[in-house]
């Protein structure tokens, strides 16, 4: 089980490194998905990025992060096996593949596919998984030969008190921040030309 200190750090990165970039991206018309990489040994930030679909519809938060990561000089890049991958939202099929092909053995996410559909009115992840892969409710294998996926919300719910309540309050505050960014995106999405907006 991931400990409270690690979960605190993951929430710190979402709130302080990913969300500010996402707010800027949403103001330009992008969706609110973002990602980051941390070194496993000391939880230091390697890189954080956000969705950039207005430049290229393939630049989902996770894929755009990986693009920027591989643009770094090789000697500055950490080995992906030595990193934690954080996604603000459960990665779609494109991003699951990108995480796999780049050699990560893990990823953590804050918001589920159901949250993306219901709270953020972005149903495409579940629709694609259903239509293309016939997977109901996003039913991929979250522990497999390539990686293990971790829901930050689920990990928080498994903590003992008082950490559970404290971290759940932090998670809820971040959810409210993303609700506000979602409202901005939803109110302006018709003005962009993202194919699946």
C-alpha atoms as a PDB file:
ATOM      1  CA  UNK A   1       0.000   0.000   0.000  1.00  0.00           C
ATOM      2  CA  UNK A   2       1.229   3.512  -0.837  1.00  0.00           C
ATOM      3  CA  UNK A   3       1.853   5.468   2.367  1.00  0.00           C
ATOM      4  CA  UNK A   4       0.327   8.794   3.363  1.00  0.00           C
ATOM      5  CA  UNK A   5       3.535  10.752   2.745  1.00  0.00           C
ATOM      6  CA  UNK A   6       3.740   9.501  -0.843  1.00  0.00           C
ATOM      7  CA  UNK A   7       0.058  10.280  -1.452  1.00  0.00           C
ATOM      8  CA  UNK A   8       0.605  13.773  -0.010  1.00  0.00           C
ATOM      9  CA  UNK A   9       3.439  14.249  -2.500  1.00  0.00           C
ATOM     10  CA  UNK A  10       1.318  13.027  -5.437  1.00  0.00           C
ATOM     11  CA  UNK A  11      -1.415  15.512  -4.483  1.00  0.00           C
ATOM     12  CA  UNK A  12       1.220  18.261  -4.110  1.00  0.00           C
ATOM     13  CA  UNK A  13       2.410  17.625  -7.664  1.00  0.00           C
ATOM     14  CA  UNK A  14      -1.121  17.614  -9.078  1.00  0.00           C
ATOM     15  CA  UNK A  15      -2.044  20.805  -7.237  1.00  0.00           C
ATOM     16  CA  UNK A  16       1.183  22.784  -7.607  1.00  0.00           C
ATOM     17  CA  UNK A  17       2.873  21.514 -10.773  1.00  0.00           C
ATOM     18  CA  UNK A  18       0.181  20.107 -13.077  1.00  0.00           C
ATOM     19  CA  UNK A  19      -2.903  22.206 -12.257  1.00  0.00           C
ATOM     20  CA  UNK A  20      -1.290  25.619 -12.958  1.00  0.00           C
ATOM     21  CA  UNK A  21      -0.165  24.395 -16.403  1.00  0.00           C
ATOM     22  CA  UNK A  22      -3.611  22.934 -16.961  1.00  0.00           C
ATOM     23  CA  UNK A  23      -5.317  26.215 -16.075  1.00  0.00           C
ATOM     24  CA  UNK A  24      -3.207  27.938 -18.741  1.00  0.00           C
ATOM     25  CA  UNK A  25      -4.011  25.186 -21.244  1.00  0.00           C
ATOM     26  CA  UNK A  26      -7.740  25.288 -20.525  1.00  0.00           C
ATOM     27  CA  UNK A  27      -7.708  29.064 -21.033  1.00  0.00           C
ATOM     28  CA  UNK A  28      -6.426  28.359 -24.568  1.00  0.00           C
ATOM     29  CA  UNK A  29      -9.145  25.764 -25.247  1.00  0.00           C
ATOM     30  CA  UNK A  30      -7.498  22.490 -24.183  1.00  0.00           C
ATOM     31  CA  UNK A  31      -9.068  19.772 -22.050  1.00  0.00           C
ATOM     32  CA  UNK A  32      -8.109  19.524 -18.390  1.00  0.00           C
ATOM     33  CA  UNK A  33      -5.943  16.394 -18.475  1.00  0.00           C
ATOM     34  CA  UNK A  34      -2.370  16.589 -17.219  1.00  0.00           C
ATOM     35  CA  UNK A  35       0.496  14.384 -16.093  1.00  0.00           C
ATOM     36  CA  UNK A  36       3.848  14.350 -14.318  1.00  0.00           C
ATOM     37  CA  UNK A  37       6.821  12.120 -13.639  1.00  0.00           C
ATOM     38  CA  UNK A  38       8.601  11.780 -10.297  1.00  0.00           C
ATOM     39  CA  UNK A  39      11.772   9.929  -9.402  1.00  0.00           C
ATOM     40  CA  UNK A  40      10.920   6.913  -7.262  1.00  0.00           C
ATOM     41  CA  UNK A  41      13.923   7.311  -4.980  1.00  0.00           C
ATOM     42  CA  UNK A  42      13.249  10.839  -3.703  1.00  0.00           C
ATOM     43  CA  UNK A  43       9.871  11.815  -5.267  1.00  0.00           C
ATOM     44  CA  UNK A  44      11.474  14.810  -6.969  1.00  0.00           C
ATOM     45  CA  UNK A  45       9.711  16.186 -10.015  1.00  0.00           C
ATOM     46  CA  UNK A  46      11.171  15.212 -13.377  1.00  0.00           C
ATOM     47  CA  UNK A  47       8.595  16.986 -15.548  1.00  0.00           C
ATOM     48  CA  UNK A  48       4.947  18.084 -15.493  1.00  0.00           C
ATOM     49  CA  UNK A  49       2.772  18.881 -18.493  1.00  0.00           C
ATOM     50  CA  UNK A  50      -0.789  19.280 -19.616  1.00  0.00           C
ATOM     51  CA  UNK A  51      -3.045  18.609 -22.575  1.00  0.00           C
ATOM     52  CA  UNK A  52      -2.169  20.439 -25.791  1.00  0.00           C
ATOM     53  CA  UNK A  53      -4.837  19.139 -28.186  1.00  0.00           C
ATOM     54  CA  UNK A  54      -5.306  22.518 -29.831  1.00  0.00           C
ATOM     55  CA  UNK A  55      -1.806  22.064 -31.295  1.00  0.00           C
ATOM     56  CA  UNK A  56      -2.255  18.361 -32.106  1.00  0.00           C
ATOM     57  CA  UNK A  57      -5.199  16.115 -31.107  1.00  0.00           C
ATOM     58  CA  UNK A  58      -2.682  13.436 -30.071  1.00  0.00           C
ATOM     59  CA  UNK A  59      -1.122  15.675 -27.402  1.00  0.00           C
ATOM     60  CA  UNK A  60      -3.205  14.339 -24.537  1.00  0.00           C
ATOM     61  CA  UNK A  61      -1.758  15.273 -21.154  1.00  0.00           C
ATOM     62  CA  UNK A  62       0.193  12.038 -20.795  1.00  0.00           C
ATOM     63  CA  UNK A  63       1.408  11.912 -24.405  1.00  0.00           C
ATOM     64  CA  UNK A  64       2.370  15.584 -24.386  1.00  0.00           C
ATOM     65  CA  UNK A  65       4.343  14.965 -21.190  1.00  0.00           C
ATOM     66  CA  UNK A  66       6.183  12.082 -22.862  1.00  0.00           C
ATOM     67  CA  UNK A  67       6.853  14.202 -25.957  1.00  0.00           C
ATOM     68  CA  UNK A  68       8.423  16.905 -23.780  1.00  0.00           C
ATOM     69  CA  UNK A  69      10.310  14.321 -21.718  1.00  0.00           C
ATOM     70  CA  UNK A  70      11.926  12.792 -24.809  1.00  0.00           C
ATOM     71  CA  UNK A  71      12.861  16.253 -26.064  1.00  0.00           C
ATOM     72  CA  UNK A  72      15.061  16.658 -22.970  1.00  0.00           C
ATOM     73  CA  UNK A  73      18.756  15.848 -23.453  1.00  0.00           C
ATOM     74  CA  UNK A  74      19.223  12.121 -22.882  1.00  0.00           C
ATOM     75  CA  UNK A  75      21.675  12.663 -20.026  1.00  0.00           C
ATOM     76  CA  UNK A  76      19.003  14.670 -18.131  1.00  0.00           C
ATOM     77  CA  UNK A  77      16.286  12.040 -18.498  1.00  0.00           C
ATOM     78  CA  UNK A  78      15.627   9.493 -15.790  1.00  0.00           C
ATOM     79  CA  UNK A  79      15.003   5.886 -16.764  1.00  0.00           C
ATOM     80  CA  UNK A  80      11.236   5.418 -16.878  1.00  0.00           C
ATOM     81  CA  UNK A  81      11.527   2.284 -14.705  1.00  0.00           C
ATOM     82  CA  UNK A  82      12.916   4.579 -12.003  1.00  0.00           C
ATOM     83  CA  UNK A  83       9.934   6.929 -12.182  1.00  0.00           C
ATOM     84  CA  UNK A  84       6.392   7.246 -10.935  1.00  0.00           C
ATOM     85  CA  UNK A  85       3.923   8.317 -13.612  1.00  0.00           C
ATOM     86  CA  UNK A  86       1.037  10.509 -12.413  1.00  0.00           C
ATOM     87  CA  UNK A  87      -2.039  11.249 -14.524  1.00  0.00           C
ATOM     88  CA  UNK A  88      -4.721  13.604 -13.309  1.00  0.00           C
ATOM     89  CA  UNK A  89      -7.326  11.422 -15.049  1.00  0.00           C
ATOM     90  CA  UNK A  90      -7.327   7.686 -15.697  1.00  0.00           C
ATOM     91  CA  UNK A  91      -5.407   7.334 -18.974  1.00  0.00           C
ATOM     92  CA  UNK A  92      -7.348   6.689 -22.181  1.00  0.00           C
ATOM     93  CA  UNK A  93      -6.396   3.872 -24.551  1.00  0.00           C
ATOM     94  CA  UNK A  94      -3.923   6.140 -26.422  1.00  0.00           C
ATOM     95  CA  UNK A  95      -2.230   7.145 -23.185  1.00  0.00           C
ATOM     96  CA  UNK A  96      -2.263   3.605 -21.755  1.00  0.00           C
ATOM     97  CA  UNK A  97      -0.363   2.531 -24.852  1.00  0.00           C
ATOM     98  CA  UNK A  98       2.089   5.429 -24.589  1.00  0.00           C
ATOM     99  CA  UNK A  99       2.804   4.632 -20.936  1.00  0.00           C
ATOM    100  CA  UNK A 100       3.368   0.992 -21.892  1.00  0.00           C
ATOM    101  CA  UNK A 101       5.591   1.679 -24.913  1.00  0.00           C
ATOM    102  CA  UNK A 102       7.802   4.039 -22.896  1.00  0.00           C
ATOM    103  CA  UNK A 103       8.553   1.425 -20.238  1.00  0.00           C
ATOM    104  CA  UNK A 104       6.824   2.622 -17.077  1.00  0.00           C
ATOM    105  CA  UNK A 105       5.943  -0.094 -14.582  1.00  0.00           C
ATOM    106  CA  UNK A 106       3.303   2.022 -12.832  1.00  0.00           C
ATOM    107  CA  UNK A 107       0.913   4.911 -13.058  1.00  0.00           C
ATOM    108  CA  UNK A 108      -1.260   6.716 -10.540  1.00  0.00           C
ATOM    109  CA  UNK A 109      -4.406   8.676 -11.395  1.00  0.00           C
ATOM    110  CA  UNK A 110      -6.716  10.965  -9.433  1.00  0.00           C
ATOM    111  CA  UNK A 111      -9.960  10.975 -11.432  1.00  0.00           C
ATOM    112  CA  UNK A 112     -11.515   7.814 -12.895  1.00  0.00           C
ATOM    113  CA  UNK A 113     -13.051   7.277 -16.321  1.00  0.00           C
ATOM    114  CA  UNK A 114     -16.436   7.642 -14.651  1.00  0.00           C
ATOM    115  CA  UNK A 115     -15.356  11.003 -13.207  1.00  0.00           C
ATOM    116  CA  UNK A 116     -14.238  12.133 -16.670  1.00  0.00           C
ATOM    117  CA  UNK A 117     -17.629  11.155 -18.079  1.00  0.00           C
ATOM    118  CA  UNK A 118     -19.900  12.274 -15.235  1.00  0.00           C
ATOM    119  CA  UNK A 119     -18.147  15.144 -13.443  1.00  0.00           C
ATOM    120  CA  UNK A 120     -16.245  16.590 -16.407  1.00  0.00           C
ATOM    121  CA  UNK A 121     -18.621  15.730 -19.304  1.00  0.00           C
ATOM    122  CA  UNK A 122     -15.845  14.083 -21.323  1.00  0.00           C
ATOM    123  CA  UNK A 123     -17.144  10.553 -22.093  1.00  0.00           C
ATOM    124  CA  UNK A 124     -14.725   9.613 -24.885  1.00  0.00           C
ATOM    125  CA  UNK A 125     -12.428   7.315 -22.859  1.00  0.00           C
ATOM    126  CA  UNK A 126     -15.240   4.961 -21.888  1.00  0.00           C
ATOM    127  CA  UNK A 127     -16.875   5.172 -25.333  1.00  0.00           C
ATOM    128  CA  UNK A 128     -13.631   4.264 -27.135  1.00  0.00           C
ATOM    129  CA  UNK A 129     -12.871   1.395 -24.761  1.00  0.00           C
ATOM    130  CA  UNK A 130     -16.411   0.075 -25.283  1.00  0.00           C
ATOM    131  CA  UNK A 131     -16.636   0.568 -29.063  1.00  0.00           C
ATOM    132  CA  UNK A 132     -13.099  -0.424 -30.056  1.00  0.00           C
ATOM    133  CA  UNK A 133     -12.087  -2.930 -27.384  1.00  0.00           C
ATOM    134  CA  UNK A 134     -15.560  -4.050 -26.126  1.00  0.00           C
ATOM    135  CA  UNK A 135     -14.518  -3.215 -22.566  1.00  0.00           C
ATOM    136  CA  UNK A 136     -17.434  -2.185 -20.391  1.00  0.00           C
ATOM    137  CA  UNK A 137     -16.768   0.539 -17.823  1.00  0.00           C
ATOM    138  CA  UNK A 138     -13.092   0.737 -18.825  1.00  0.00           C
ATOM    139  CA  UNK A 139     -12.399  -2.821 -17.702  1.00  0.00           C
ATOM    140  CA  UNK A 140      -8.709  -3.093 -18.590  1.00  0.00           C
ATOM    141  CA  UNK A 141      -6.341  -5.219 -16.520  1.00  0.00           C
ATOM    142  CA  UNK A 142      -4.900  -2.741 -14.011  1.00  0.00           C
ATOM    143  CA  UNK A 143      -2.113  -5.095 -12.880  1.00  0.00           C
ATOM    144  CA  UNK A 144      -0.369  -6.794 -15.788  1.00  0.00           C
ATOM    145  CA  UNK A 145       3.076  -7.752 -17.110  1.00  0.00           C
ATOM    146  CA  UNK A 146       3.796  -4.137 -18.085  1.00  0.00           C
ATOM    147  CA  UNK A 147       2.530  -1.962 -15.243  1.00  0.00           C
ATOM    148  CA  UNK A 148       0.241  -1.593 -12.253  1.00  0.00           C
ATOM    149  CA  UNK A 149      -2.331   1.201 -12.131  1.00  0.00           C
ATOM    150  CA  UNK A 150      -3.258   2.871  -8.859  1.00  0.00           C
ATOM    151  CA  UNK A 151      -6.306   4.986  -8.095  1.00  0.00           C
ATOM    152  CA  UNK A 152      -5.199   7.739  -5.716  1.00  0.00           C
ATOM    153  CA  UNK A 153      -8.754   8.002  -4.360  1.00  0.00           C
ATOM    154  CA  UNK A 154      -8.869   4.273  -3.625  1.00  0.00           C
ATOM    155  CA  UNK A 155      -5.464   4.390  -1.931  1.00  0.00           C
ATOM    156  CA  UNK A 156      -6.614   7.307   0.233  1.00  0.00           C
ATOM    157  CA  UNK A 157      -9.755   5.393   1.234  1.00  0.00           C
ATOM    158  CA  UNK A 158      -7.589   2.500   2.476  1.00  0.00           C
ATOM    159  CA  UNK A 159      -5.504   4.661   4.843  1.00  0.00           C
ATOM    160  CA  UNK A 160      -6.112   4.698   8.588  1.00  0.00           C
ATOM    161  CA  UNK A 161      -7.387   7.829  10.283  1.00  0.00           C
ATOM    162  CA  UNK A 162      -6.484  10.652  10.619  1.00  0.00           C
ATOM    163  CA  UNK A 163      -4.561  10.476   7.331  1.00  0.00           C
ATOM    164  CA  UNK A 164      -7.614   9.238   5.423  1.00  0.00           C
ATOM    165  CA  UNK A 165      -9.775  12.246   6.307  1.00  0.00           C
ATOM    166  CA  UNK A 166      -6.948  14.738   5.844  1.00  0.00           C
ATOM    167  CA  UNK A 167      -5.989  13.439   2.413  1.00  0.00           C
ATOM    168  CA  UNK A 168      -9.610  13.047   1.349  1.00  0.00           C
ATOM    169  CA  UNK A 169     -10.128  16.742   2.165  1.00  0.00           C
ATOM    170  CA  UNK A 170      -7.110  17.575  -0.013  1.00  0.00           C
ATOM    171  CA  UNK A 171      -8.438  15.363  -2.814  1.00  0.00           C
ATOM    172  CA  UNK A 172     -11.810  17.093  -2.613  1.00  0.00           C
ATOM    173  CA  UNK A 173     -10.227  20.564  -2.755  1.00  0.00           C
ATOM    174  CA  UNK A 174      -8.321  19.549  -5.885  1.00  0.00           C
ATOM    175  CA  UNK A 175     -11.547  18.123  -7.367  1.00  0.00           C
ATOM    176  CA  UNK A 176     -13.198  21.519  -6.828  1.00  0.00           C
ATOM    177  CA  UNK A 177     -10.287  23.214  -8.609  1.00  0.00           C
ATOM    178  CA  UNK A 178     -10.734  20.828 -11.548  1.00  0.00           C
ATOM    179  CA  UNK A 179     -14.508  21.428 -11.498  1.00  0.00           C
ATOM    180  CA  UNK A 180     -13.823  25.120 -12.077  1.00  0.00           C
ATOM    181  CA  UNK A 181     -11.391  24.385 -14.908  1.00  0.00           C
ATOM    182  CA  UNK A 182     -13.925  21.987 -16.407  1.00  0.00           C
ATOM    183  CA  UNK A 183     -16.588  24.705 -16.435  1.00  0.00           C
ATOM    184  CA  UNK A 184     -14.177  26.972 -18.313  1.00  0.00           C
ATOM    185  CA  UNK A 185     -13.399  24.243 -20.848  1.00  0.00           C
ATOM    186  CA  UNK A 186     -17.056  23.291 -21.353  1.00  0.00           C
ATOM    187  CA  UNK A 187     -18.097  26.910 -21.887  1.00  0.00           C
ATOM    188  CA  UNK A 188     -15.509  27.449 -24.629  1.00  0.00           C
ATOM    189  CA  UNK A 189     -15.035  24.050 -26.291  1.00  0.00           C
ATOM    190  CA  UNK A 190     -17.210  24.820 -29.320  1.00  0.00           C
ATOM    191  CA  UNK A 191     -14.681  27.485 -30.343  1.00  0.00           C
ATOM    192  CA  UNK A 192     -11.850  24.961 -30.826  1.00  0.00           C
ATOM    193  CA  UNK A 193     -11.383  22.342 -33.514  1.00  0.00           C
ATOM    194  CA  UNK A 194     -10.423  19.359 -31.336  1.00  0.00           C
ATOM    195  CA  UNK A 195     -12.081  16.368 -33.072  1.00  0.00           C
ATOM    196  CA  UNK A 196     -13.473  14.791 -29.884  1.00  0.00           C
ATOM    197  CA  UNK A 197     -14.218  17.806 -27.743  1.00  0.00           C
END
